[in-house]
Protein backbone atom coordinates (compact mmCIF):
# COMPACT_ATOMS: atom_id res chain seq x y z
CA UNK A 1 -161.69 14.80 -113.66
CA UNK A 2 -164.26 12.74 -111.78
CA UNK A 3 -166.14 9.77 -113.12
CA UNK A 4 -169.03 8.08 -111.34
CA UNK A 5 -169.72 4.42 -112.09
CA UNK A 6 -172.57 2.77 -110.15
CA UNK A 7 -171.95 3.87 -106.54
CA UNK A 8 -168.23 4.35 -107.05
CA UNK A 9 -166.44 7.61 -107.70
CA UNK A 10 -163.11 7.67 -109.49
CA UNK A 11 -160.72 10.60 -109.69
CA UNK A 12 -157.66 11.46 -111.74
CA UNK A 13 -154.70 13.33 -110.29
CA UNK A 14 -151.74 14.69 -112.25
CA UNK A 15 -148.51 15.65 -110.51
CA UNK A 16 -145.39 16.32 -112.51
CA UNK A 17 -144.80 13.34 -114.81
CA UNK A 18 -147.18 11.18 -112.76
CA UNK A 19 -150.81 10.49 -113.56
CA UNK A 20 -152.87 8.68 -110.92
CA UNK A 21 -156.36 7.28 -110.94
CA UNK A 22 -158.02 6.23 -107.68
CA UNK A 23 -161.31 5.04 -106.21
CA UNK A 24 -162.67 7.70 -103.84
CA UNK A 25 -165.11 5.23 -102.30
CA UNK A 26 -162.18 3.16 -101.01
CA UNK A 27 -159.68 5.89 -100.16
CA UNK A 28 -160.62 9.29 -98.72
CA UNK A 29 -157.16 10.84 -98.25
CA UNK A 30 -155.33 9.87 -101.42
CA UNK A 31 -151.78 11.05 -101.99
CA UNK A 32 -149.52 10.26 -104.94
CA UNK A 33 -146.91 9.24 -102.36
CA UNK A 34 -149.08 6.24 -101.50
CA UNK A 35 -147.74 4.59 -104.66
CA UNK A 36 -144.20 4.70 -103.23
CA UNK A 37 -142.97 1.91 -100.90
CA UNK A 38 -140.81 4.47 -99.06
CA UNK A 39 -143.94 6.37 -97.99
CA UNK A 40 -145.33 3.31 -96.21
CA UNK A 41 -141.93 2.46 -94.75
CA UNK A 42 -141.73 5.94 -93.23
CA UNK A 43 -145.23 5.45 -91.78
CA UNK A 44 -144.18 2.07 -90.30
CA UNK A 45 -147.15 0.68 -92.23
CA UNK A 46 -145.38 -2.14 -94.09
CA UNK A 47 -146.64 -5.47 -92.76
CA UNK A 48 -144.76 -7.76 -95.13
CA UNK A 49 -143.53 -8.35 -98.66
CA UNK A 50 -143.31 -11.01 -101.33
CA UNK A 51 -140.71 -11.59 -104.00
CA UNK A 52 -141.54 -12.19 -107.65
CA UNK A 53 -140.11 -10.21 -110.54
CA UNK A 54 -139.85 -7.43 -107.97
CA UNK A 55 -140.99 -6.81 -104.43
CA UNK A 56 -144.70 -6.72 -103.64
CA UNK A 57 -145.43 -4.70 -100.51
CA UNK A 58 -148.21 -5.35 -98.00
CA UNK A 59 -149.32 -2.24 -96.12
CA UNK A 60 -151.87 -1.51 -93.40
CA UNK A 61 -153.03 1.83 -92.06
CA UNK A 62 -156.04 3.71 -90.67
CA UNK A 63 -157.35 6.65 -92.71
CA UNK A 64 -158.64 10.01 -91.47
CA UNK A 65 -162.02 8.39 -90.73
CA UNK A 66 -160.24 5.76 -88.63
CA UNK A 67 -161.13 3.05 -91.15
CA UNK A 68 -158.52 0.30 -91.35
CA UNK A 69 -157.14 -0.77 -94.72
CA UNK A 70 -154.95 -3.66 -95.85
CA UNK A 71 -153.47 -3.11 -99.28
CA UNK A 72 -150.98 -4.54 -101.76
CA UNK A 73 -148.56 -2.25 -103.62
CA UNK A 74 -146.99 -3.67 -106.76
CA UNK A 75 -144.59 -2.14 -109.27
CA UNK A 76 -144.75 -3.39 -112.86
CA UNK A 77 -141.66 -5.25 -114.04
CA UNK A 78 -140.96 -6.92 -117.34
CA UNK A 79 -140.40 -10.67 -117.49
CA UNK A 80 -138.27 -12.85 -119.71
CA UNK A 81 -134.98 -11.89 -121.32
CA UNK A 82 -136.10 -8.38 -122.21
CA UNK A 83 -136.84 -7.78 -118.54
CA UNK A 84 -133.16 -8.22 -117.74
CA UNK A 85 -132.36 -5.31 -120.04
CA UNK A 86 -135.29 -2.88 -119.80
CA UNK A 87 -136.52 -3.97 -116.33
CA UNK A 88 -139.58 -1.75 -115.68
CA UNK A 89 -140.03 0.54 -118.71
CA UNK A 90 -142.80 0.16 -121.30
CA UNK A 91 -143.61 1.99 -124.51
CA UNK A 92 -146.26 4.66 -123.90
CA UNK A 93 -149.15 4.70 -126.37
CA UNK A 94 -151.83 6.33 -124.22
CA UNK A 95 -152.81 6.19 -120.55
CA UNK A 96 -155.68 3.74 -121.07
CA UNK A 97 -153.33 1.24 -122.75
CA UNK A 98 -150.80 1.12 -119.91
CA UNK A 99 -150.43 -2.09 -117.93
CA UNK A 100 -151.69 -0.43 -114.75
CA UNK A 101 -154.76 1.18 -116.34
CA UNK A 102 -155.75 -2.07 -118.06
CA UNK A 103 -155.43 -4.18 -114.91
CA UNK A 104 -157.26 -1.54 -112.86
CA UNK A 105 -160.14 -1.53 -115.36
CA UNK A 106 -160.28 -5.33 -115.47
CA UNK A 107 -160.38 -5.53 -111.66
CA UNK A 108 -163.23 -3.02 -111.63
CA UNK A 109 -165.11 -5.14 -114.14
CA UNK A 110 -164.57 -8.34 -112.14
CA UNK A 111 -165.63 -6.65 -108.91
CA UNK A 112 -168.84 -5.53 -110.61
CA UNK A 113 -169.45 -9.20 -111.48
CA UNK A 114 -168.72 -10.13 -107.83
CA UNK A 115 -165.87 -12.39 -108.84
CA UNK A 116 -163.39 -13.24 -106.06
CA UNK A 117 -160.55 -10.90 -107.01
CA UNK A 118 -158.87 -7.91 -105.32
CA UNK A 119 -160.49 -4.48 -105.33
CA UNK A 120 -158.59 -1.83 -107.32
CA UNK A 121 -157.61 1.12 -105.13
CA UNK A 122 -155.32 3.28 -107.26
CA UNK A 123 -152.69 3.22 -109.98
CA UNK A 124 -149.89 5.51 -111.10
CA UNK A 125 -148.24 5.96 -114.48
CA UNK A 126 -144.99 7.92 -114.69
CA UNK A 127 -144.36 9.00 -118.27
CA UNK A 128 -140.78 9.57 -119.39
CA UNK A 129 -140.72 10.61 -123.03
CA UNK A 130 -141.85 7.64 -125.10
CA UNK A 131 -141.84 5.23 -122.15
CA UNK A 132 -143.54 4.86 -118.79
CA UNK A 133 -143.29 3.05 -115.46
CA UNK A 134 -146.31 2.07 -113.38
CA UNK A 135 -147.59 0.97 -109.98
CA UNK A 136 -150.85 -0.53 -108.72
CA UNK A 137 -152.47 -0.40 -105.29
CA UNK A 138 -155.15 -3.03 -104.63
CA UNK A 139 -156.90 -4.62 -101.66
CA UNK A 140 -155.27 -7.52 -99.85
CA UNK A 141 -157.22 -10.76 -99.52
CA UNK A 142 -157.53 -11.31 -95.80
CA UNK A 143 -156.15 -14.42 -94.05
CA UNK A 144 -155.11 -15.98 -97.36
CA UNK A 145 -152.09 -17.82 -98.75
CA UNK A 146 -151.19 -18.79 -102.28
CA UNK A 147 -151.55 -22.45 -103.22
CA UNK A 148 -147.80 -23.03 -103.27
CA UNK A 149 -147.56 -22.03 -99.61
CA UNK A 150 -150.68 -24.03 -98.72
CA UNK A 151 -149.62 -27.19 -100.55
CA UNK A 152 -146.15 -27.04 -99.05
CA UNK A 153 -147.77 -27.62 -95.66
CA UNK A 154 -151.14 -29.32 -96.11
CA UNK A 155 -153.12 -31.83 -98.16
CA UNK A 156 -156.31 -30.36 -99.62
CA UNK A 157 -159.55 -32.30 -99.76
CA UNK A 158 -161.18 -33.12 -103.09
CA UNK A 159 -163.96 -30.70 -102.18
CA UNK A 160 -161.48 -27.82 -102.02
CA UNK A 161 -159.85 -28.91 -105.29
CA UNK A 162 -163.27 -28.95 -106.95
CA UNK A 163 -163.94 -25.49 -105.54
CA UNK A 164 -160.73 -24.22 -107.09
CA UNK A 165 -161.79 -25.56 -110.47
CA UNK A 166 -165.31 -24.15 -110.11
CA UNK A 167 -163.90 -20.72 -109.24
CA UNK A 168 -161.70 -20.64 -112.34
CA UNK A 169 -164.74 -21.68 -114.37
CA UNK A 170 -166.63 -18.61 -113.08
CA UNK A 171 -163.91 -16.32 -114.38
CA UNK A 172 -163.75 -18.09 -117.72
CA UNK A 173 -167.55 -18.03 -118.04
CA UNK A 174 -167.39 -14.23 -117.90
CA UNK A 175 -164.59 -14.11 -120.46
CA UNK A 176 -161.82 -13.28 -118.00
CA UNK A 177 -158.46 -14.32 -119.41
CA UNK A 178 -155.68 -14.60 -116.81
CA UNK A 179 -152.37 -14.20 -118.63
CA UNK A 180 -150.37 -15.98 -115.91
CA UNK A 181 -152.72 -18.44 -114.25
CA UNK A 182 -150.45 -20.43 -111.95
CA UNK A 183 -150.37 -21.88 -108.45
CA UNK A 184 -148.91 -18.67 -107.00
CA UNK A 185 -151.82 -16.57 -108.30
CA UNK A 186 -154.56 -18.64 -106.67
CA UNK A 187 -155.22 -17.84 -103.01
CA UNK A 188 -157.03 -19.85 -100.37
CA UNK A 189 -158.26 -18.11 -97.21
CA UNK A 190 -158.83 -19.58 -93.76
CA UNK A 191 -162.38 -20.57 -94.76
CA UNK A 192 -161.16 -22.36 -97.90
CA UNK A 193 -162.58 -19.64 -100.14
CA UNK A 194 -160.75 -19.31 -103.46
CA UNK A 195 -159.46 -16.05 -105.02
CA UNK A 196 -157.49 -15.19 -108.14
CA UNK A 197 -154.91 -12.39 -108.11
CA UNK A 198 -152.37 -10.66 -110.39
CA UNK A 199 -154.25 -9.87 -113.59
CA UNK A 200 -151.39 -8.04 -115.31
CA UNK A 201 -151.91 -8.48 -119.07
CA UNK A 202 -155.28 -10.08 -118.40
CA UNK A 203 -158.09 -9.44 -120.86
CA UNK A 204 -161.82 -9.59 -121.31
CA UNK A 205 -162.56 -12.09 -124.09
CA UNK A 206 -166.19 -12.34 -125.08
CA UNK A 207 -165.94 -14.10 -128.47
CA UNK A 208 -168.03 -17.28 -127.93
CA UNK A 209 -166.36 -19.04 -130.87
CA UNK A 210 -162.78 -18.73 -129.59
CA UNK A 211 -162.44 -20.85 -126.44
CA UNK A 212 -158.95 -22.20 -127.06
CA UNK A 213 -157.54 -19.72 -124.54
CA UNK A 214 -159.45 -21.46 -121.76
CA UNK A 215 -157.75 -24.78 -122.45
CA UNK A 216 -154.40 -22.98 -122.67
CA UNK A 217 -155.07 -21.31 -119.31
CA UNK A 218 -155.75 -24.67 -117.68
CA UNK A 219 -152.73 -26.31 -119.29
CA UNK A 220 -150.55 -23.48 -117.99
CA UNK A 221 -151.96 -24.00 -114.50
CA UNK A 222 -151.28 -27.73 -114.59
CA UNK A 223 -147.68 -27.10 -115.68
CA UNK A 224 -147.20 -24.73 -112.76
CA UNK A 225 -148.29 -27.42 -110.27
CA UNK A 226 -145.91 -29.92 -111.83
CA UNK A 227 -143.10 -27.37 -111.75
CA UNK A 228 -143.55 -26.82 -108.01
CA UNK A 229 -143.85 -30.58 -107.45
CA UNK A 230 -140.46 -31.13 -109.09
CA UNK A 231 -138.85 -28.15 -107.38
CA UNK A 232 -139.99 -28.38 -103.77
CA UNK A 233 -139.01 -31.06 -101.29
CA UNK A 234 -142.60 -31.19 -100.01
CA UNK A 235 -145.56 -30.28 -102.18
CA UNK A 236 -148.91 -32.07 -101.87
CA UNK A 237 -150.18 -32.41 -105.42
CA UNK A 238 -151.21 -35.57 -107.28
CA UNK A 239 -152.92 -36.56 -110.52
CA UNK A 240 -156.07 -37.22 -108.47
CA UNK A 241 -155.95 -33.65 -107.17
CA UNK A 242 -155.81 -32.30 -110.71
CA UNK A 243 -158.71 -34.53 -111.72
CA UNK A 244 -160.77 -33.20 -108.81
CA UNK A 245 -159.95 -29.63 -109.89
CA UNK A 246 -161.00 -30.41 -113.45
CA UNK A 247 -164.21 -32.05 -112.19
CA UNK A 248 -165.07 -28.75 -110.55
CA UNK A 249 -164.12 -26.82 -113.67
CA UNK A 250 -166.17 -29.00 -116.02
CA UNK A 251 -169.23 -29.43 -113.79
C-alpha cells in the first residue's frame, strides 16, 4: 500500500509477524532488517550508542545511490515498575495506535510544520497475539549533544537559554505535547541551534481552552535540570539560566 502526502511517498511492508511503514523519499533500499541492530552491526555501520531504558543505536551508511545517511534506531521499552516486569511488550489495539505509529505520525506532522525535530524514516511493529513490540528509525541531528552533556562541560549564554525557551514555545504553539520533556531530550548543535527529540507518547493537542499541559511540561523540564544539578559533580545550571529560558518561552 502506498500513500502520497505532499512530496513524500510512504509504503507499508508486511513480513511474517512484522509490519513496517517507511518513507520512500528518505530511503530507497528499505529492508525490514534495517530495524534490527544486528543488521547494522554486521554492516559495520554502528557509529555509537546511548543508554536509556534500552540501547539507542546510531548508524551511518551510504545507500545504492551513494547518498550518505545518519540515523537513530530505537526500540520501545516500558518505563516505571511495570517495565521491570513486561519490559518491551504492549497491548495491541490496532497498528495506528501503536507507540511507533503514533510517534512516526507526530514526527511527520512536526516536519511539515518545519519544527526542529528528527525526520521519521521507518517503524516496525511485531505483533504477537494480543501484544506487540516496536522499533523506530529516525534521522540523527548532526553535530548535536543533549543539554546534560553540554551543561556538564560548558556555561551557556543567556541568549542560548532564551533560544531554548523560544524553541519549546514554537512546539507548544502548534499544540505539540512532549510527554517526557527533560534536559536529555533537548539537543544543541555546534551552531547553538535547538532541537527536541524522543516524542514517544507525545500528542497533538489543539484545544485552545486546555493549556495546563504546557505549564506541566515546563515544570517537568525544570525538575529535570534540578535533578541533574543534584546528581552530577559539575552541571552549569542556575536560577538565572531558568529565568532566561522562561523569558524566551514567554516572549
